[in-house]
Amino acid sequence: MLTIARVAALAVLLAASGPTQAQERREGWHSGYQMGTSYAGVASNGGARVTFYCGDAKAAAANPAIRRGPSLEVALSKVSQRRGAAADLRFVVDGKATAIPVTAETVPDAVNFHWKPTARFDGKRMARLLAGLRKATALSVEVYGAQREIPLTGAADALSDELLSCD
Protein backbone atom coordinates (compact mmCIF):
# COMPACT_ATOMS: atom_id res chain seq x y z
CA MET A 1 0.00 0.00 0.00
CA LEU A 2 1.39 3.39 -0.98
CA THR A 3 1.34 6.03 1.67
CA ILE A 4 1.66 9.73 1.00
CA ALA A 5 5.24 9.62 2.32
CA ARG A 6 6.17 6.77 -0.08
CA VAL A 7 4.57 8.56 -3.05
CA ALA A 8 6.49 11.73 -2.19
CA ALA A 9 9.76 9.78 -1.82
CA LEU A 10 9.18 8.07 -5.17
CA ALA A 11 8.48 11.43 -6.85
CA VAL A 12 11.74 12.85 -5.45
CA LEU A 13 13.70 9.81 -6.71
CA LEU A 14 12.17 10.03 -10.18
CA ALA A 15 12.86 13.76 -10.40
CA ALA A 16 16.44 13.26 -9.27
CA SER A 17 17.10 10.49 -11.78
CA GLY A 18 16.01 12.53 -14.83
CA PRO A 19 19.12 14.69 -15.31
CA THR A 20 21.44 11.74 -14.61
CA GLN A 21 19.85 9.70 -17.36
CA ALA A 22 20.09 12.61 -19.80
CA GLN A 23 23.80 13.00 -19.06
CA GLU A 24 24.43 9.35 -19.96
CA ARG A 25 23.34 9.93 -23.57
CA ARG A 26 26.46 10.03 -25.70
CA GLU A 27 26.97 12.61 -28.38
CA GLY A 28 29.44 11.94 -31.18
CA TRP A 29 31.86 9.05 -31.48
CA HIS A 30 32.66 6.96 -28.43
CA SER A 31 34.81 3.91 -27.83
CA GLY A 32 35.28 1.23 -25.25
CA TYR A 33 35.88 -2.41 -24.47
CA GLN A 34 33.21 -4.91 -23.48
CA MET A 35 33.14 -8.70 -23.33
CA GLY A 36 36.38 -9.23 -25.25
CA THR A 37 35.57 -6.70 -27.95
CA SER A 38 36.92 -3.20 -28.55
CA TYR A 39 34.54 -0.86 -30.31
CA ALA A 40 34.17 2.67 -31.63
CA GLY A 41 30.89 3.98 -32.93
CA VAL A 42 28.41 6.76 -33.45
CA ALA A 43 24.69 7.16 -34.05
CA SER A 44 23.24 9.93 -36.20
CA ASN A 45 20.01 11.79 -35.79
CA GLY A 46 19.06 10.56 -39.28
CA GLY A 47 18.67 6.92 -38.32
CA ALA A 48 22.17 5.57 -38.92
CA ARG A 49 24.61 3.80 -36.65
CA VAL A 50 28.26 3.08 -37.56
CA THR A 51 30.32 0.81 -35.30
CA PHE A 52 33.79 -0.63 -35.78
CA TYR A 53 34.53 -3.75 -33.72
CA CYS A 54 37.62 -5.77 -32.91
CA GLY A 55 37.10 -9.11 -31.18
CA ASP A 56 40.08 -10.34 -29.19
CA ALA A 57 41.28 -13.75 -30.43
CA LYS A 58 41.67 -15.23 -26.93
CA ALA A 59 38.26 -14.00 -25.83
CA ALA A 60 36.67 -15.35 -29.03
CA ALA A 61 38.28 -18.75 -28.46
CA ALA A 62 36.75 -18.86 -24.98
CA ASN A 63 33.32 -17.54 -26.00
CA PRO A 64 31.76 -18.39 -29.38
CA ALA A 65 29.42 -15.38 -29.12
CA ILE A 66 32.42 -13.07 -29.66
CA ARG A 67 33.35 -12.38 -33.28
CA ARG A 68 37.09 -12.69 -33.74
CA GLY A 69 38.99 -9.94 -35.54
CA PRO A 70 38.00 -6.61 -37.01
CA SER A 71 34.53 -5.91 -38.36
CA LEU A 72 32.18 -3.06 -39.18
CA GLU A 73 28.43 -2.79 -38.77
CA VAL A 74 26.36 -0.01 -40.27
CA ALA A 75 22.66 0.06 -39.41
CA LEU A 76 20.37 2.23 -41.53
CA SER A 77 16.73 2.76 -40.69
CA LYS A 78 14.12 3.22 -43.37
CA VAL A 79 16.23 1.47 -46.02
CA SER A 80 14.85 -1.48 -47.96
CA GLN A 81 17.21 -4.32 -48.77
CA ARG A 82 17.16 -5.02 -52.49
CA ARG A 83 17.09 -8.67 -53.40
CA GLY A 84 19.98 -9.57 -55.69
CA ALA A 85 21.45 -6.08 -55.55
CA ALA A 86 25.17 -5.82 -54.93
CA ALA A 87 25.78 -4.70 -51.40
CA ASP A 88 28.60 -2.20 -51.61
CA LEU A 89 28.37 0.35 -48.86
CA ARG A 90 30.03 3.64 -49.78
CA PHE A 91 31.77 5.77 -47.18
CA VAL A 92 32.03 9.31 -48.57
CA VAL A 93 34.79 11.05 -46.63
CA ASP A 94 35.32 14.72 -47.53
CA GLY A 95 33.79 14.06 -50.95
CA LYS A 96 35.85 10.96 -51.77
CA ALA A 97 33.88 7.70 -51.96
CA THR A 98 35.22 4.32 -50.88
CA ALA A 99 33.14 1.23 -51.70
CA ILE A 100 33.17 -1.46 -49.00
CA PRO A 101 31.77 -4.91 -49.79
CA VAL A 102 29.24 -5.87 -47.12
CA THR A 103 26.58 -8.42 -46.39
CA ALA A 104 23.09 -7.14 -45.63
CA GLU A 105 20.70 -8.34 -42.97
CA THR A 106 17.17 -7.04 -42.60
CA VAL A 107 16.08 -6.51 -39.01
CA PRO A 108 12.95 -4.78 -37.71
CA ASP A 109 13.02 -1.12 -38.79
CA ALA A 110 16.52 -1.25 -40.37
CA VAL A 111 19.03 -3.01 -42.55
CA ASN A 112 22.36 -3.94 -40.96
CA PHE A 113 25.41 -4.03 -43.21
CA HIS A 114 28.40 -6.11 -42.07
CA TRP A 115 32.03 -6.00 -43.24
CA LYS A 116 34.76 -8.51 -42.41
CA PRO A 117 38.22 -8.42 -44.02
CA THR A 118 38.35 -10.07 -47.44
CA ALA A 119 40.85 -10.15 -50.30
CA ARG A 120 38.77 -7.44 -52.00
CA PHE A 121 38.77 -5.11 -48.96
CA ASP A 122 41.23 -6.14 -46.27
CA GLY A 123 42.11 -4.74 -42.87
CA LYS A 124 44.87 -2.51 -44.29
CA ARG A 125 42.38 -0.73 -46.55
CA MET A 126 39.99 -0.30 -43.63
CA ALA A 127 42.84 1.07 -41.48
CA ARG A 128 43.49 3.72 -44.15
CA LEU A 129 39.80 4.62 -44.11
CA LEU A 130 39.88 4.94 -40.31
CA ALA A 131 42.94 7.20 -40.52
CA GLY A 132 41.06 9.41 -42.96
CA LEU A 133 38.01 9.55 -40.68
CA ARG A 134 40.13 10.88 -37.80
CA LYS A 135 40.99 13.97 -39.90
CA ALA A 136 37.79 14.28 -41.92
CA THR A 137 35.35 17.18 -41.88
CA ALA A 138 32.40 15.41 -43.57
CA LEU A 139 31.18 11.81 -43.67
CA SER A 140 28.17 10.13 -45.19
CA VAL A 141 27.29 6.52 -45.92
CA GLU A 142 25.43 5.46 -49.03
CA VAL A 143 23.80 2.20 -50.11
CA TYR A 144 20.84 1.26 -52.31
CA GLY A 145 20.43 4.94 -53.24
CA ALA A 146 20.00 6.04 -49.62
CA GLN A 147 22.46 8.47 -48.04
CA ARG A 148 22.93 9.34 -44.36
CA GLU A 149 25.15 12.04 -42.90
CA ILE A 150 27.30 10.78 -40.04
CA PRO A 151 28.64 13.12 -37.35
CA LEU A 152 32.40 13.23 -36.83
CA THR A 153 32.50 14.79 -33.36
CA GLY A 154 34.96 12.75 -31.29
CA ALA A 155 36.11 10.56 -34.22
CA ALA A 156 39.76 11.59 -33.86
CA ASP A 157 39.86 10.27 -30.29
CA ALA A 158 37.61 7.20 -30.71
CA LEU A 159 39.17 5.77 -33.89
CA SER A 160 42.60 4.68 -32.71
CA ASP A 161 45.20 2.87 -34.84
CA GLU A 162 44.84 -0.19 -32.59
CA LEU A 163 41.10 -0.54 -33.22
CA LEU A 164 41.56 -3.00 -36.09
CA SER A 165 44.63 -4.85 -34.80
CA CYS A 166 43.05 -7.47 -32.56
CA ASP A 167 44.03 -10.65 -34.46
Foldseek 3Di string as FASTA:
>chain_A
DDDPVNVVVVVVVVVVCVVVVVVPDDAAWDWDDDQQKTKIWHADPQAKIKMKIAGAPVSCVVPVVTDHFIKIKMKGFPDDDDPPDFWWKWKQFQNDTDTAGWDWDDDPRIIMTMHAADPVQHPVNVLVVLVSLLVTDWIWMDTPHDIDTTDSVPSVPHSDSCRRVRD
